[in-house]
Protein backbone atom coordinates (compact mmCIF):
# COMPACT_ATOMS: atom_id res chain seq x y z
CA MET A 1 1.51 -3.43 26.28
CA ALA A 2 3.66 -0.68 24.79
CA LYS A 3 2.19 1.39 22.04
CA ALA A 4 3.59 0.50 18.64
CA LYS A 5 5.97 3.10 17.24
CA ARG A 6 5.58 3.94 13.58
CA ARG A 7 8.16 5.49 11.29
CA THR A 8 7.20 6.70 7.85
CA LEU A 9 9.51 5.43 5.13
CA PHE A 10 7.89 7.25 2.24
CA ASN A 11 4.67 8.64 0.81
CA CYS A 12 3.56 8.12 -2.77
CA LYS A 13 0.62 7.65 -5.14
CA LEU A 14 -1.13 4.27 -5.20
CA ALA A 15 -0.28 2.97 -8.65
CA GLY A 16 -2.97 1.41 -10.83
CA PHE A 17 -5.88 2.26 -8.56
CA THR A 18 -8.40 2.65 -11.40
CA TYR A 19 -7.34 -0.61 -13.12
CA TYR A 20 -8.25 -2.95 -10.29
CA ASP A 21 -10.85 -3.01 -7.47
CA GLY A 22 -10.21 0.53 -6.23
CA PRO A 23 -13.31 2.12 -7.75
CA LEU A 24 -15.43 -0.75 -6.43
CA ALA A 25 -14.15 -0.31 -2.87
CA TRP A 26 -14.11 3.51 -2.91
CA GLU A 27 -17.06 3.95 -0.55
CA GLU A 28 -15.45 1.77 2.11
CA LEU A 29 -12.10 3.49 1.96
CA LYS A 30 -11.00 6.53 4.02
CA VAL A 31 -7.83 8.28 5.12
CA GLY A 32 -6.16 5.93 7.61
CA THR A 33 -7.44 2.68 6.02
CA LYS A 34 -4.76 0.00 6.48
CA LEU A 35 -3.64 -1.87 3.35
CA THR A 36 -2.04 -5.31 3.17
CA PRO A 37 1.15 -5.71 1.08
CA VAL A 38 1.57 -8.89 -0.96
CA ALA A 39 4.62 -9.81 -3.07
CA GLU A 40 3.31 -10.64 -6.49
CA ASP A 41 4.71 -12.52 -9.46
CA ASN A 42 4.54 -9.97 -12.23
CA ALA A 43 6.10 -10.13 -15.69
CA HIS A 44 6.23 -6.31 -15.89
CA ASP A 45 7.87 -5.71 -12.47
CA PRO A 46 9.95 -8.39 -10.69
CA ASN A 47 9.58 -6.39 -7.40
CA ALA A 48 5.81 -5.89 -7.61
CA VAL A 49 4.06 -5.34 -4.27
CA ALA A 50 0.27 -5.46 -4.54
CA LEU A 51 -1.85 -3.64 -1.95
CA TYR A 52 -5.09 -5.12 -0.77
CA TYR A 53 -8.00 -3.88 1.30
CA LYS A 54 -9.89 -6.96 2.45
CA ASP A 55 -10.08 -9.06 -0.76
CA ASN A 56 -9.86 -6.03 -3.03
CA LEU A 57 -6.70 -5.42 -5.04
CA LEU A 58 -6.40 -1.63 -4.92
CA GLY A 59 -3.15 -1.24 -6.82
CA TYR A 60 0.60 -1.33 -6.27
CA ILE A 61 3.49 0.45 -4.59
CA PRO A 62 5.06 2.32 -7.52
CA ARG A 63 7.95 0.55 -9.27
CA GLU A 64 10.50 3.18 -8.22
CA ARG A 65 9.70 2.65 -4.52
CA ASN A 66 8.93 -1.08 -4.15
CA GLU A 67 12.26 -2.95 -4.15
CA ASN A 68 13.11 -2.68 -0.43
CA VAL A 69 9.53 -3.41 0.64
CA ARG A 70 9.58 -6.50 -1.57
CA VAL A 71 12.86 -7.76 -0.02
CA PHE A 72 11.45 -7.58 3.50
CA ILE A 73 8.20 -9.32 2.44
CA GLU A 74 10.15 -12.13 0.81
CA MET A 75 12.21 -12.51 4.00
CA GLY A 76 8.98 -13.10 5.96
CA HIS A 77 8.69 -9.63 7.50
CA ALA A 78 5.53 -8.28 5.85
CA ASP A 79 4.06 -7.71 9.31
CA ILE A 80 6.46 -4.82 10.08
CA PHE A 81 4.84 -2.67 7.41
CA ASP A 82 2.07 -0.24 8.20
CA ILE A 83 0.69 0.96 4.88
CA ARG A 84 -2.26 3.35 5.02
CA ILE A 85 -4.23 5.59 2.78
CA SER A 86 -3.06 9.15 3.46
CA ARG A 87 -5.16 11.12 0.96
CA MET A 88 -8.16 10.58 -1.27
CA SER A 89 -9.70 12.89 -3.87
CA ARG A 90 -12.33 12.00 -6.45
CA GLU A 91 -11.68 15.28 -8.22
CA GLU A 92 -8.05 14.34 -9.15
CA HIS A 93 -7.02 12.48 -12.30
CA PRO A 94 -7.88 8.79 -11.73
CA GLU A 95 -4.21 7.77 -11.26
CA ARG A 96 -3.71 10.52 -8.63
CA GLN A 97 -6.84 9.91 -6.56
CA VAL A 98 -5.18 7.96 -3.72
CA ASP A 99 -1.92 8.54 -1.84
CA ILE A 100 -0.42 6.07 0.56
CA SER A 101 1.97 6.29 3.49
CA VAL A 102 4.40 3.35 3.80
CA GLY A 103 5.75 2.96 7.30
CA ILE A 104 7.24 0.39 9.61
CA CYS A 105 6.23 -0.39 13.17
CA SER A 106 8.39 -1.43 16.08
CA GLU A 107 5.62 -3.76 17.22
CA LYS A 108 2.49 -5.13 15.59
CA ALA A 109 -0.23 -2.52 15.73
C-alpha cells in the first residue's frame, strides 16, 4: 500500500481549549496526537468544527479558518483531514497552550 501523502493547509491555535475537556485530557495528549473534526450546530458560529480526542471535546478550529473545512465535512469528506496537535505548552496563556496543524491526506492514514 502506498504511503499516504499529507499536505498542510494551515496551522493555528486550538480555540476554546480551556473551556471544554482539554485540561482533563492534557496528560494523554502529545505533539502528533490526531484529532477528529465534527461539524457542529452552533448558534455563535454557523461553520463550527469541533475537534475531539477520543470522546473529549478539546475545542474548535478558529472561526476565521473553519469555513472550508466545514464544507468538506458536510459533503461527506471528513476522512480526508489529518488534524494533529503541533505544539503544547502549559506555560502559555490558557488559550494559547495548544496549536494544531490542519492537513489533508491523499489516502487514509
